[in-house]
Amino acid sequence: MGRTVILVIHDINFATNYSDHIVALKNGKLHFSGLTEQVITEAQLNDLYELDFEITYSERGCMCNYFNSSGA
């Protein structure tokens, strides 16, 4: 279609399911950038949010589930 939309959003599940390209900032600096399917990994999300993530896939899309494994 030849169009670009730039959206700032903090909902990783919305971003993952509706974006072709993700840019993530941490502490005001570029943390990662790239095609969604290449950069949205459990390891990348663990590092970005400092939480444990599990990514699951279904016919409805991708779900990034996070949890605090320290029990705090």
PDB file of N, CA and C in Angstrom:
ATOM      1  N   MET A   1       0.802  -1.191   0.000  1.00  0.00           N
ATOM      2  CA  MET A   1       0.000   0.000   0.000  1.00  0.00           C
ATOM      3  C   MET A   1       0.851   1.263   0.000  1.00  0.00           C
ATOM      4  N   GLY A   2       2.118   1.151   0.362  1.00  0.00           N
ATOM      5  CA  GLY A   2       2.980   2.314   0.326  1.00  0.00           C
ATOM      6  C   GLY A   2       2.717   3.325   1.429  1.00  0.00           C
ATOM      7  N   ARG A   3       2.224   2.869   2.578  1.00  0.00           N
ATOM      8  CA  ARG A   3       1.932   3.788   3.679  1.00  0.00           C
ATOM      9  C   ARG A   3       2.666   3.343   4.935  1.00  0.00           C
ATOM     10  N   THR A   4       3.006   4.310   5.751  1.00  0.00           N
ATOM     11  CA  THR A   4       3.662   4.046   7.024  1.00  0.00           C
ATOM     12  C   THR A   4       2.852   4.685   8.134  1.00  0.00           C
ATOM     13  N   VAL A   5       2.633   3.944   9.195  1.00  0.00           N
ATOM     14  CA  VAL A   5       1.964   4.460  10.383  1.00  0.00           C
ATOM     15  C   VAL A   5       2.928   4.280  11.545  1.00  0.00           C
ATOM     16  N   ILE A   6       3.160   5.347  12.291  1.00  0.00           N
ATOM     17  CA  ILE A   6       4.003   5.270  13.480  1.00  0.00           C
ATOM     18  C   ILE A   6       3.081   5.367  14.685  1.00  0.00           C
ATOM     19  N   LEU A   7       3.163   4.371  15.553  1.00  0.00           N
ATOM     20  CA  LEU A   7       2.297   4.288  16.722  1.00  0.00           C
ATOM     21  C   LEU A   7       3.160   4.063  17.952  1.00  0.00           C
ATOM     22  N   VAL A   8       2.954   4.866  18.968  1.00  0.00           N
ATOM     23  CA  VAL A   8       3.648   4.671  20.242  1.00  0.00           C
ATOM     24  C   VAL A   8       2.668   3.972  21.169  1.00  0.00           C
ATOM     25  N   ILE A   9       3.050   2.769  21.625  1.00  0.00           N
ATOM     26  CA  ILE A   9       2.152   1.977  22.465  1.00  0.00           C
ATOM     27  C   ILE A   9       2.977   1.164  23.446  1.00  0.00           C
ATOM     28  N   HIS A  10       2.428   0.946  24.624  1.00  0.00           N
ATOM     29  CA  HIS A  10       3.119   0.174  25.646  1.00  0.00           C
ATOM     30  C   HIS A  10       2.531  -1.224  25.809  1.00  0.00           C
ATOM     31  N   ASP A  11       1.537  -1.572  25.029  1.00  0.00           N
ATOM     32  CA  ASP A  11       0.924  -2.901  25.088  1.00  0.00           C
ATOM     33  C   ASP A  11       1.655  -3.809  24.109  1.00  0.00           C
ATOM     34  N   ILE A  12       2.536  -4.646  24.631  1.00  0.00           N
ATOM     35  CA  ILE A  12       3.378  -5.487  23.778  1.00  0.00           C
ATOM     36  C   ILE A  12       2.547  -6.467  22.957  1.00  0.00           C
ATOM     37  N   ASN A  13       1.426  -6.934  23.482  1.00  0.00           N
ATOM     38  CA  ASN A  13       0.595  -7.868  22.718  1.00  0.00           C
ATOM     39  C   ASN A  13      -0.061  -7.184  21.526  1.00  0.00           C
ATOM     40  N   PHE A  14      -0.566  -5.983  21.711  1.00  0.00           N
ATOM     41  CA  PHE A  14      -1.145  -5.238  20.589  1.00  0.00           C
ATOM     42  C   PHE A  14      -0.069  -4.968  19.548  1.00  0.00           C
ATOM     43  N   ALA A  15       1.077  -4.477  20.002  1.00  0.00           N
ATOM     44  CA  ALA A  15       2.174  -4.160  19.082  1.00  0.00           C
ATOM     45  C   ALA A  15       2.623  -5.394  18.306  1.00  0.00           C
ATOM     46  N   THR A  16       2.752  -6.509  18.991  1.00  0.00           N
ATOM     47  CA  THR A  16       3.229  -7.737  18.354  1.00  0.00           C
ATOM     48  C   THR A  16       2.263  -8.242  17.289  1.00  0.00           C
ATOM     49  N   ASN A  17       0.977  -8.133  17.552  1.00  0.00           N
ATOM     50  CA  ASN A  17      -0.012  -8.683  16.622  1.00  0.00           C
ATOM     51  C   ASN A  17      -0.386  -7.757  15.473  1.00  0.00           C
ATOM     52  N   TYR A  18      -0.069  -6.464  15.579  1.00  0.00           N
ATOM     53  CA  TYR A  18      -0.483  -5.535  14.535  1.00  0.00           C
ATOM     54  C   TYR A  18       0.652  -4.770  13.879  1.00  0.00           C
ATOM     55  N   SER A  19       1.893  -5.098  14.216  1.00  0.00           N
ATOM     56  CA  SER A  19       3.036  -4.363  13.660  1.00  0.00           C
ATOM     57  C   SER A  19       3.921  -5.263  12.819  1.00  0.00           C
ATOM     58  N   ASP A  20       4.448  -4.709  11.756  1.00  0.00           N
ATOM     59  CA  ASP A  20       5.432  -5.413  10.935  1.00  0.00           C
ATOM     60  C   ASP A  20       6.842  -5.175  11.450  1.00  0.00           C
ATOM     61  N   HIS A  21       7.047  -4.029  12.100  1.00  0.00           N
ATOM     62  CA  HIS A  21       8.370  -3.610  12.566  1.00  0.00           C
ATOM     63  C   HIS A  21       8.211  -3.037  13.971  1.00  0.00           C
ATOM     64  N   ILE A  22       9.099  -3.426  14.870  1.00  0.00           N
ATOM     65  CA  ILE A  22       9.049  -2.964  16.262  1.00  0.00           C
ATOM     66  C   ILE A  22      10.336  -2.220  16.593  1.00  0.00           C
ATOM     67  N   VAL A  23      10.191  -1.092  17.267  1.00  0.00           N
ATOM     68  CA  VAL A  23      11.326  -0.355  17.822  1.00  0.00           C
ATOM     69  C   VAL A  23      11.080  -0.291  19.324  1.00  0.00           C
ATOM     70  N   ALA A  24      12.029  -0.768  20.119  1.00  0.00           N
ATOM     71  CA  ALA A  24      11.884  -0.762  21.575  1.00  0.00           C
ATOM     72  C   ALA A  24      12.945   0.123  22.202  1.00  0.00           C
ATOM     73  N   LEU A  25      12.495   0.972  23.111  1.00  0.00           N
ATOM     74  CA  LEU A  25      13.399   1.852  23.847  1.00  0.00           C
ATOM     75  C   LEU A  25      13.462   1.394  25.297  1.00  0.00           C
ATOM     76  N   LYS A  26      14.632   1.544  25.898  1.00  0.00           N
ATOM     77  CA  LYS A  26      14.804   1.258  27.321  1.00  0.00           C
ATOM     78  C   LYS A  26      15.670   2.364  27.897  1.00  0.00           C
ATOM     79  N   ASN A  27      15.167   3.029  28.922  1.00  0.00           N
ATOM     80  CA  ASN A  27      15.882   4.151  29.538  1.00  0.00           C
ATOM     81  C   ASN A  27      16.228   5.227  28.512  1.00  0.00           C
ATOM     82  N   GLY A  28      15.308   5.458  27.568  1.00  0.00           N
ATOM     83  CA  GLY A  28      15.488   6.512  26.578  1.00  0.00           C
ATOM     84  C   GLY A  28      16.440   6.195  25.449  1.00  0.00           C
ATOM     85  N   LYS A  29      16.903   4.949  25.380  1.00  0.00           N
ATOM     86  CA  LYS A  29      17.846   4.558  24.327  1.00  0.00           C
ATOM     87  C   LYS A  29      17.298   3.373  23.543  1.00  0.00           C
ATOM     88  N   LEU A  30      17.709   3.292  22.281  1.00  0.00           N
ATOM     89  CA  LEU A  30      17.286   2.179  21.434  1.00  0.00           C
ATOM     90  C   LEU A  30      17.756   0.864  22.041  1.00  0.00           C
ATOM     91  N   HIS A  31      16.814  -0.035  22.261  1.00  0.00           N
ATOM     92  CA  HIS A  31      17.148  -1.351  22.825  1.00  0.00           C
ATOM     93  C   HIS A  31      17.192  -2.404  21.725  1.00  0.00           C
ATOM     94  N   PHE A  32      16.177  -2.399  20.859  1.00  0.00           N
ATOM     95  CA  PHE A  32      16.197  -3.242  19.668  1.00  0.00           C
ATOM     96  C   PHE A  32      15.234  -2.694  18.638  1.00  0.00           C
ATOM     97  N   SER A  33      15.445  -3.103  17.404  1.00  0.00           N
ATOM     98  CA  SER A  33      14.611  -2.664  16.295  1.00  0.00           C
ATOM     99  C   SER A  33      14.691  -3.715  15.207  1.00  0.00           C
ATOM    100  N   GLY A  34      13.551  -4.018  14.591  1.00  0.00           N
ATOM    101  CA  GLY A  34      13.570  -4.969  13.491  1.00  0.00           C
ATOM    102  C   GLY A  34      12.193  -5.510  13.191  1.00  0.00           C
ATOM    103  N   LEU A  35      12.153  -6.472  12.289  1.00  0.00           N
ATOM    104  CA  LEU A  35      10.897  -7.127  11.951  1.00  0.00           C
ATOM    105  C   LEU A  35      10.349  -7.821  13.188  1.00  0.00           C
ATOM    106  N   THR A  36       9.059  -7.702  13.398  1.00  0.00           N
ATOM    107  CA  THR A  36       8.425  -8.218  14.606  1.00  0.00           C
ATOM    108  C   THR A  36       8.802  -9.664  14.880  1.00  0.00           C
ATOM    109  N   GLU A  37       8.693 -10.519  13.883  1.00  0.00           N
ATOM    110  CA  GLU A  37       8.956 -11.946  14.111  1.00  0.00           C
ATOM    111  C   GLU A  37      10.419 -12.236  14.422  1.00  0.00           C
ATOM    112  N   GLN A  38      11.301 -11.301  14.145  1.00  0.00           N
ATOM    113  CA  GLN A  38      12.725 -11.492  14.435  1.00  0.00           C
ATOM    114  C   GLN A  38      13.136 -10.923  15.789  1.00  0.00           C
ATOM    115  N   VAL A  39      12.483  -9.869  16.246  1.00  0.00           N
ATOM    116  CA  VAL A  39      12.922  -9.217  17.486  1.00  0.00           C
ATOM    117  C   VAL A  39      12.070  -9.548  18.707  1.00  0.00           C
ATOM    118  N   ILE A  40      10.845 -10.000  18.507  1.00  0.00           N
ATOM    119  CA  ILE A  40      10.005 -10.339  19.654  1.00  0.00           C
ATOM    120  C   ILE A  40      10.266 -11.794  20.031  1.00  0.00           C
ATOM    121  N   THR A  41      11.204 -11.938  20.962  1.00  0.00           N
ATOM    122  CA  THR A  41      11.570 -13.251  21.495  1.00  0.00           C
ATOM    123  C   THR A  41      11.488 -13.174  23.013  1.00  0.00           C
ATOM    124  N   GLU A  42      11.393 -14.328  23.652  1.00  0.00           N
ATOM    125  CA  GLU A  42      11.354 -14.336  25.110  1.00  0.00           C
ATOM    126  C   GLU A  42      12.598 -13.671  25.687  1.00  0.00           C
ATOM    127  N   ALA A  43      13.761 -13.956  25.126  1.00  0.00           N
ATOM    128  CA  ALA A  43      15.013 -13.374  25.631  1.00  0.00           C
ATOM    129  C   ALA A  43      15.011 -11.847  25.503  1.00  0.00           C
ATOM    130  N   GLN A  44      14.566 -11.337  24.356  1.00  0.00           N
ATOM    131  CA  GLN A  44      14.527  -9.878  24.152  1.00  0.00           C
ATOM    132  C   GLN A  44      13.559  -9.217  25.139  1.00  0.00           C
ATOM    133  N   LEU A  45      12.384  -9.815  25.317  1.00  0.00           N
ATOM    134  CA  LEU A  45      11.393  -9.237  26.223  1.00  0.00           C
ATOM    135  C   LEU A  45      11.844  -9.337  27.674  1.00  0.00           C
ATOM    136  N   ASN A  46      12.473 -10.459  28.049  1.00  0.00           N
ATOM    137  CA  ASN A  46      13.013 -10.604  29.407  1.00  0.00           C
ATOM    138  C   ASN A  46      13.977  -9.467  29.707  1.00  0.00           C
ATOM    139  N   ASP A  47      14.860  -9.185  28.763  1.00  0.00           N
ATOM    140  CA  ASP A  47      15.867  -8.145  28.942  1.00  0.00           C
ATOM    141  C   ASP A  47      15.242  -6.749  28.944  1.00  0.00           C
ATOM    142  N   LEU A  48      14.298  -6.517  28.064  1.00  0.00           N
ATOM    143  CA  LEU A  48      13.662  -5.201  27.955  1.00  0.00           C
ATOM    144  C   LEU A  48      12.882  -4.838  29.214  1.00  0.00           C
ATOM    145  N   TYR A  49      12.033  -5.745  29.676  1.00  0.00           N
ATOM    146  CA  TYR A  49      11.145  -5.461  30.800  1.00  0.00           C
ATOM    147  C   TYR A  49      11.689  -5.930  32.148  1.00  0.00           C
ATOM    148  N   GLU A  50      12.765  -6.700  32.135  1.00  0.00           N
ATOM    149  CA  GLU A  50      13.342  -7.284  33.349  1.00  0.00           C
ATOM    150  C   GLU A  50      12.312  -8.135  34.085  1.00  0.00           C
ATOM    151  N   LEU A  51      11.539  -8.878  33.302  1.00  0.00           N
ATOM    152  CA  LEU A  51      10.564  -9.852  33.779  1.00  0.00           C
ATOM    153  C   LEU A  51      10.729 -11.106  32.938  1.00  0.00           C
ATOM    154  N   ASP A  52      10.206 -12.218  33.428  1.00  0.00           N
ATOM    155  CA  ASP A  52      10.230 -13.448  32.641  1.00  0.00           C
ATOM    156  C   ASP A  52       9.022 -13.480  31.717  1.00  0.00           C
ATOM    157  N   PHE A  53       9.261 -13.803  30.457  1.00  0.00           N
ATOM    158  CA  PHE A  53       8.198 -13.874  29.458  1.00  0.00           C
ATOM    159  C   PHE A  53       8.079 -15.275  28.891  1.00  0.00           C
ATOM    160  N   GLU A  54       6.864 -15.617  28.533  1.00  0.00           N
ATOM    161  CA  GLU A  54       6.584 -16.823  27.766  1.00  0.00           C
ATOM    162  C   GLU A  54       5.709 -16.383  26.598  1.00  0.00           C
ATOM    163  N   ILE A  55       6.113 -16.733  25.394  1.00  0.00           N
ATOM    164  CA  ILE A  55       5.344 -16.368  24.206  1.00  0.00           C
ATOM    165  C   ILE A  55       4.598 -17.603  23.724  1.00  0.00           C
ATOM    166  N   THR A  56       3.292 -17.462  23.543  1.00  0.00           N
ATOM    167  CA  THR A  56       2.477 -18.551  23.015  1.00  0.00           C
ATOM    168  C   THR A  56       1.813 -18.086  21.719  1.00  0.00           C
ATOM    169  N   TYR A  57       1.538 -19.037  20.859  1.00  0.00           N
ATOM    170  CA  TYR A  57       0.941 -18.743  19.553  1.00  0.00           C
ATOM    171  C   TYR A  57      -0.334 -19.557  19.392  1.00  0.00           C
ATOM    172  N   SER A  58      -1.325 -18.942  18.759  1.00  0.00           N
ATOM    173  CA  SER A  58      -2.572 -19.631  18.443  1.00  0.00           C
ATOM    174  C   SER A  58      -3.083 -19.103  17.115  1.00  0.00           C
ATOM    175  N   GLU A  59      -4.229 -19.586  16.694  1.00  0.00           N
ATOM    176  CA  GLU A  59      -4.810 -19.117  15.440  1.00  0.00           C
ATOM    177  C   GLU A  59      -5.204 -17.644  15.531  1.00  0.00           C
ATOM    178  N   ARG A  60      -5.331 -17.118  16.740  1.00  0.00           N
ATOM    179  CA  ARG A  60      -5.687 -15.707  16.923  1.00  0.00           C
ATOM    180  C   ARG A  60      -4.470 -14.794  17.020  1.00  0.00           C
ATOM    181  N   GLY A  61      -3.279 -15.368  17.032  1.00  0.00           N
ATOM    182  CA  GLY A  61      -2.077 -14.541  17.076  1.00  0.00           C
ATOM    183  C   GLY A  61      -1.115 -14.939  18.171  1.00  0.00           C
ATOM    184  N   CYS A  62      -0.316 -13.989  18.557  1.00  0.00           N
ATOM    185  CA  CYS A  62       0.763 -14.180  19.519  1.00  0.00           C
ATOM    186  C   CYS A  62       0.362 -13.564  20.857  1.00  0.00           C
ATOM    187  N   MET A  63       0.694 -14.243  21.954  1.00  0.00           N
ATOM    188  CA  MET A  63       0.430 -13.704  23.289  1.00  0.00           C
ATOM    189  C   MET A  63       1.723 -13.727  24.085  1.00  0.00           C
ATOM    190  N   CYS A  64       2.142 -12.548  24.530  1.00  0.00           N
ATOM    191  CA  CYS A  64       3.358 -12.407  25.334  1.00  0.00           C
ATOM    192  C   CYS A  64       2.930 -12.331  26.794  1.00  0.00           C
ATOM    193  N   ASN A  65       3.149 -13.414  27.520  1.00  0.00           N
ATOM    194  CA  ASN A  65       2.753 -13.492  28.925  1.00  0.00           C
ATOM    195  C   ASN A  65       3.963 -13.248  29.804  1.00  0.00           C
ATOM    196  N   TYR A  66       3.833 -12.372  30.775  1.00  0.00           N
ATOM    197  CA  TYR A  66       4.953 -12.092  31.663  1.00  0.00           C
ATOM    198  C   TYR A  66       4.598 -12.466  33.096  1.00  0.00           C
ATOM    199  N   PHE A  67       5.639 -12.763  33.867  1.00  0.00           N
ATOM    200  CA  PHE A  67       5.454 -13.103  35.266  1.00  0.00           C
ATOM    201  C   PHE A  67       6.733 -12.791  36.026  1.00  0.00           C
ATOM    202  N   ASN A  68       6.590 -12.627  37.314  1.00  0.00           N
ATOM    203  CA  ASN A  68       7.721 -12.333  38.176  1.00  0.00           C
ATOM    204  C   ASN A  68       8.140 -13.635  38.836  1.00  0.00           C
ATOM    205  N   SER A  69       9.207 -14.242  38.370  1.00  0.00           N
ATOM    206  CA  SER A  69       9.630 -15.542  38.880  1.00  0.00           C
ATOM    207  C   SER A  69      10.275 -15.454  40.256  1.00  0.00           C
ATOM    208  N   SER A  70      10.576 -14.244  40.727  1.00  0.00           N
ATOM    209  CA  SER A  70      11.195 -14.099  42.046  1.00  0.00           C
ATOM    210  C   SER A  70      10.172 -14.282  43.162  1.00  0.00           C
ATOM    211  N   GLY A  71       8.893 -14.250  42.806  1.00  0.00           N
ATOM    212  CA  GLY A  71       7.847 -14.410  43.802  1.00  0.00           C
ATOM    213  C   GLY A  71       7.521 -13.130  44.553  1.00  0.00           C
ATOM    214  N   ALA A  72       8.168 -12.039  44.193  1.00  0.00           N
ATOM    215  CA  ALA A  72       7.928 -10.758  44.885  1.00  0.00           C
ATOM    216  C   ALA A  72       6.664 -10.102  44.377  1.00  0.00           C
TER     217      ALA A  72
END
